[in-house]
N, C-alpha and C. Protein backbone atom coordinates (compact mmCIF):
# COMPACT_ATOMS: atom_id res chain seq x y z
N UNK A 1 0.69 -1.10 -0.04
CA UNK A 1 0.13 0.13 0.17
C UNK A 1 0.89 1.46 -0.08
N UNK A 2 0.61 2.07 -0.60
CA UNK A 2 1.37 3.43 -0.73
C UNK A 2 0.58 4.46 -0.37
N UNK A 3 1.05 5.38 0.30
CA UNK A 3 0.42 6.49 1.10
C UNK A 3 1.29 7.70 0.61
N UNK A 4 0.66 9.11 0.02
CA UNK A 4 1.54 9.88 -0.26
C UNK A 4 0.74 11.25 0.62
N UNK A 5 1.76 12.59 0.64
CA UNK A 5 1.19 13.54 0.86
C UNK A 5 1.35 14.60 -0.15
N UNK A 6 0.27 15.60 0.02
CA UNK A 6 0.69 16.72 -1.18
C UNK A 6 1.16 17.90 -0.74
N UNK A 7 2.27 18.44 -1.19
CA UNK A 7 3.41 19.54 -0.49
C UNK A 7 2.41 20.80 0.50
N UNK A 8 1.26 21.15 -0.14
CA UNK A 8 0.68 22.42 0.46
C UNK A 8 -0.50 21.78 1.63
N UNK A 9 -0.65 20.35 1.78
CA UNK A 9 -1.29 19.89 2.92
C UNK A 9 -0.57 19.03 3.58
N UNK A 10 0.13 19.56 4.68
CA UNK A 10 0.85 18.76 5.48
C UNK A 10 0.26 17.90 6.65
N UNK A 11 -1.18 18.06 6.32
CA UNK A 11 -1.90 17.56 7.92
C UNK A 11 -2.70 16.25 7.05
N UNK A 12 -2.42 15.93 6.12
CA UNK A 12 -3.30 14.95 5.41
C UNK A 12 -2.56 14.03 4.84
N UNK A 13 -2.83 12.80 4.47
CA UNK A 13 -1.91 11.50 4.08
C UNK A 13 -3.22 10.94 3.13
N UNK A 14 -2.97 10.96 1.67
CA UNK A 14 -4.02 10.20 0.86
C UNK A 14 -3.22 8.63 0.38
N UNK A 15 -4.47 8.08 0.16
CA UNK A 15 -4.14 6.36 -0.46
C UNK A 15 -4.02 6.23 -2.00
N UNK A 16 -3.08 5.78 -2.52
CA UNK A 16 -2.74 5.33 -4.11
C UNK A 16 -3.82 4.49 -4.28
N UNK A 17 -4.39 3.94 -5.12
CA UNK A 17 -5.09 3.33 -6.03
C UNK A 17 -4.52 2.78 -7.34
N UNK A 18 -3.63 1.87 -7.21
CA UNK A 18 -2.95 1.70 -8.18
C UNK A 18 -3.74 0.79 -9.05
N UNK A 19 -4.39 -0.10 -8.28
CA UNK A 19 -5.12 -1.22 -8.89
C UNK A 19 -6.53 -0.92 -9.68
N UNK A 20 -6.84 0.43 -9.48
CA UNK A 20 -8.14 1.30 -9.78
C UNK A 20 -9.33 0.14 -9.59
N UNK A 21 -9.30 -0.22 -8.24
CA UNK A 21 -10.49 -0.64 -7.57
C UNK A 21 -11.52 0.15 -6.74
N UNK A 22 -12.26 -0.19 -6.39
CA UNK A 22 -13.22 0.75 -5.59
C UNK A 22 -12.57 1.34 -4.38
N UNK A 23 -12.44 2.25 -4.53
CA UNK A 23 -12.39 3.43 -3.27
C UNK A 23 -12.42 2.68 -1.87
N UNK A 24 -13.69 1.92 -1.32
CA UNK A 24 -13.98 1.77 -0.50
C UNK A 24 -12.95 0.46 -0.02
N UNK A 25 -12.73 -0.34 -0.99
CA UNK A 25 -11.91 -1.58 -0.68
C UNK A 25 -10.44 -1.08 -0.31
N UNK A 26 -9.91 0.07 -0.97
CA UNK A 26 -8.61 0.78 -0.52
C UNK A 26 -8.76 1.29 0.96
N UNK A 27 -9.75 1.62 1.18
CA UNK A 27 -10.25 2.43 2.52
C UNK A 27 -10.07 1.03 3.51
N UNK A 28 -10.54 0.14 3.10
CA UNK A 28 -10.95 -0.94 4.12
C UNK A 28 -9.30 -1.49 4.75
N UNK A 29 -8.59 -1.46 3.35
CA UNK A 29 -7.40 -2.20 3.66
C UNK A 29 -6.55 -1.62 4.57
N UNK A 30 -6.55 -0.09 4.26
CA UNK A 30 -5.62 0.58 4.99
C UNK A 30 -6.45 0.80 6.53
N UNK A 31 -7.76 0.82 6.85
CA UNK A 31 -8.28 0.17 7.96
C UNK A 31 -7.80 -0.90 8.51
N UNK A 32 -7.82 -1.77 7.88
CA UNK A 32 -7.13 -3.19 8.58
C UNK A 32 -5.65 -3.06 8.95
N UNK A 33 -5.18 -2.44 8.14
CA UNK A 33 -3.49 -2.44 8.30
C UNK A 33 -3.39 -1.60 9.67
N UNK A 34 -3.96 -0.39 9.80
CA UNK A 34 -4.10 0.37 11.15
C UNK A 34 -4.47 -0.54 12.32
N UNK A 35 -5.38 -1.02 11.99
CA UNK A 35 -6.03 -1.84 13.29
C UNK A 35 -5.52 -2.92 13.85
N UNK A 36 -4.37 -3.62 12.86
CA UNK A 36 -3.57 -4.53 13.61
C UNK A 36 -2.42 -4.20 14.04
N UNK A 37 -2.01 -2.71 14.17
CA UNK A 37 -1.05 -2.18 14.97
C UNK A 37 -1.29 -2.17 16.35
N UNK A 38 -0.78 -2.51 17.05
CA UNK A 38 -1.14 -2.73 18.75
C UNK A 38 -0.59 -1.14 19.46
N UNK A 39 -0.27 -0.03 18.76
CA UNK A 39 0.04 1.22 18.96
C UNK A 39 -1.38 2.13 18.50
N UNK A 40 -2.24 1.52 17.59
CA UNK A 40 -3.10 2.42 17.07
C UNK A 40 -4.71 1.87 17.68
N UNK A 41 -5.16 2.74 17.98
CA UNK A 41 -6.87 2.55 18.47
C UNK A 41 -7.95 3.25 17.32
N UNK A 42 -8.67 1.93 17.20
CA UNK A 42 -9.79 2.83 15.89
C UNK A 42 -10.87 3.01 16.50
N UNK A 43 -11.69 4.28 16.50
CA UNK A 43 -12.78 4.68 17.16
C UNK A 43 -13.55 4.08 16.53
N UNK A 44 -14.97 4.53 17.01
CA UNK A 44 -16.25 3.77 16.36
C UNK A 44 -16.52 5.06 15.13
N UNK A 45 -17.25 4.67 14.27
CA UNK A 45 -17.82 5.12 12.92
C UNK A 45 -18.54 6.48 13.32
N UNK A 46 -18.50 7.46 12.74
CA UNK A 46 -19.45 8.69 12.89
C UNK A 46 -19.76 8.52 11.32
N UNK A 47 -20.96 8.53 11.37
CA UNK A 47 -21.74 8.72 9.52
C UNK A 47 -21.98 10.12 9.38
N UNK A 48 -21.50 10.75 8.57
CA UNK A 48 -22.07 12.28 7.79
C UNK A 48 -22.86 11.87 6.62
N UNK A 49 -23.46 13.23 6.23
CA UNK A 49 -24.05 12.88 4.81
C UNK A 49 -22.84 12.41 3.69
N UNK A 50 -21.87 13.00 3.55
CA UNK A 50 -20.96 12.85 2.63
C UNK A 50 -19.36 12.08 3.06
N UNK A 51 -19.28 11.86 4.13
CA UNK A 51 -18.23 10.96 4.97
C UNK A 51 -18.62 10.01 6.15
N UNK A 52 -17.33 9.34 5.93
CA UNK A 52 -17.62 8.07 7.42
C UNK A 52 -16.29 8.45 7.96
N UNK A 53 -16.20 8.86 9.30
CA UNK A 53 -15.10 9.38 10.11
C UNK A 53 -14.85 8.35 11.20
N UNK A 54 -13.57 7.75 11.61
CA UNK A 54 -13.14 7.12 12.47
C UNK A 54 -12.38 7.87 13.41
N UNK A 55 -12.76 8.20 14.26
CA UNK A 55 -11.64 9.29 15.42
C UNK A 55 -10.57 7.98 15.95
N UNK A 56 -9.61 8.06 15.76
CA UNK A 56 -7.98 7.34 15.96
C UNK A 56 -7.32 7.85 16.90
N UNK A 57 -6.46 7.00 17.35
CA UNK A 57 -5.22 7.58 18.29
C UNK A 57 -4.06 6.67 18.20
N UNK A 58 -3.09 7.55 18.12
CA UNK A 58 -1.82 6.76 18.16
C UNK A 58 -0.89 7.11 19.26
N UNK A 59 -0.18 6.52 20.28
CA UNK A 59 0.51 6.90 21.22
C UNK A 59 -0.11 8.54 21.75
N UNK A 60 -1.40 8.26 22.28
CA UNK A 60 -2.15 9.12 22.69
C UNK A 60 -2.20 10.40 21.96
N UNK A 61 -2.22 10.35 20.30
CA UNK A 61 -2.45 11.56 19.62
C UNK A 61 -3.43 11.37 18.70
N UNK A 62 -4.44 12.22 18.69
CA UNK A 62 -5.74 11.83 17.88
C UNK A 62 -5.30 12.18 16.40
N UNK A 63 -6.13 11.50 15.56
CA UNK A 63 -6.08 11.42 14.06
C UNK A 63 -7.42 10.82 13.47
N UNK A 64 -7.78 11.16 12.41
CA UNK A 64 -9.02 10.83 12.02
C UNK A 64 -8.70 9.83 10.55
N UNK A 65 -9.50 9.25 10.44
CA UNK A 65 -9.45 8.06 9.25
C UNK A 65 -10.72 8.33 8.47
N UNK A 66 -10.85 9.02 7.46
CA UNK A 66 -12.06 9.74 6.72
C UNK A 66 -12.24 8.83 5.74
N UNK A 67 -13.37 8.51 5.06
CA UNK A 67 -13.74 8.00 3.91
C UNK A 67 -14.73 8.84 3.33
N UNK A 68 -14.66 9.51 2.28
CA UNK A 68 -15.21 10.54 1.40
C UNK A 68 -15.84 9.85 0.30
N UNK A 69 -17.35 9.97 0.07
CA UNK A 69 -17.83 9.30 -0.81
C UNK A 69 -17.40 9.67 -2.27
N UNK A 70 -17.04 10.73 -2.28
CA UNK A 70 -16.88 11.49 -3.33
C UNK A 70 -15.09 11.44 -3.68
N UNK A 71 -14.49 11.43 -2.80
CA UNK A 71 -13.12 11.41 -3.11
C UNK A 71 -12.32 10.47 -2.53
N UNK A 72 -12.69 9.50 -1.96
CA UNK A 72 -12.00 8.30 -1.48
C UNK A 72 -11.88 8.54 0.09
N UNK A 73 -10.53 7.86 0.57
CA UNK A 73 -10.09 7.83 1.94
C UNK A 73 -8.84 8.69 1.80
N UNK A 74 -8.51 9.08 3.22
CA UNK A 74 -7.68 9.48 3.63
C UNK A 74 -7.43 10.21 5.28
N UNK A 75 -6.25 10.32 5.71
CA UNK A 75 -6.12 10.59 7.01
C UNK A 75 -5.71 12.12 7.35
N UNK A 76 -6.39 12.35 8.25
CA UNK A 76 -6.23 13.88 8.77
C UNK A 76 -5.53 14.12 10.15
N UNK A 77 -4.80 14.95 10.49
CA UNK A 77 -4.22 14.88 11.61
C UNK A 77 -3.23 16.26 11.91
N UNK A 78 -3.51 16.99 12.86
CA UNK A 78 -2.81 18.29 13.22
C UNK A 78 -1.27 18.19 13.13
N UNK A 79 -1.00 17.16 13.55
CA UNK A 79 0.27 16.58 13.95
C UNK A 79 1.18 16.20 13.01
N UNK A 80 1.99 16.85 12.39
CA UNK A 80 3.05 16.43 11.60
C UNK A 80 3.67 15.25 11.69
N UNK A 81 4.11 15.07 13.03
CA UNK A 81 4.98 14.16 13.29
C UNK A 81 3.92 12.77 13.37
N UNK A 82 2.78 12.67 14.02
CA UNK A 82 2.02 11.83 13.68
C UNK A 82 1.81 10.95 11.97
N UNK A 83 1.41 12.24 11.56
CA UNK A 83 1.39 11.83 9.92
C UNK A 83 2.64 11.38 9.63
N UNK A 84 3.75 11.88 10.06
CA UNK A 84 4.92 10.96 9.39
C UNK A 84 5.00 9.47 9.93
N UNK A 85 4.80 9.42 11.25
CA UNK A 85 4.67 8.05 11.84
C UNK A 85 3.63 7.22 11.05
N UNK A 86 2.44 7.54 10.88
CA UNK A 86 1.53 6.87 9.86
C UNK A 86 1.72 6.49 8.60
N UNK A 87 2.63 7.46 7.96
CA UNK A 87 3.12 7.27 6.70
C UNK A 87 3.65 6.32 6.57
N UNK A 88 4.97 6.09 7.93
CA UNK A 88 5.97 4.93 7.99
C UNK A 88 5.18 3.74 7.96
N UNK A 89 4.49 3.58 8.70
CA UNK A 89 3.62 2.50 9.24
C UNK A 89 2.97 2.09 8.01
N UNK A 90 2.31 2.51 7.35
CA UNK A 90 1.50 2.24 5.98
C UNK A 90 2.13 2.05 4.68
N UNK A 91 3.67 2.52 4.55
CA UNK A 91 4.11 2.26 3.28
C UNK A 91 5.27 0.91 3.79
N UNK A 92 5.08 0.34 4.73
CA UNK A 92 5.93 -0.73 4.72
C UNK A 92 5.62 -1.74 3.78
């Protein structure tokens, strides 16, 4: 699985869909990888009109795992350090 950042959005990680499969499948693969990591806690699903949001944490730092029905999945966090840690975990 490859994750990438956009240079002007240091608070988000996006998922690459090389196989051009359904974005929800890619999102669920990311969620599965994160849930298998003992440092990461995946919270309950919050269903919105256009997004599903999971409030998560790693090392007592919060982040959000988001699936947007129009644009696919991504991770949002205010901490660049946490974004970098998640990028390392997901790009293994």
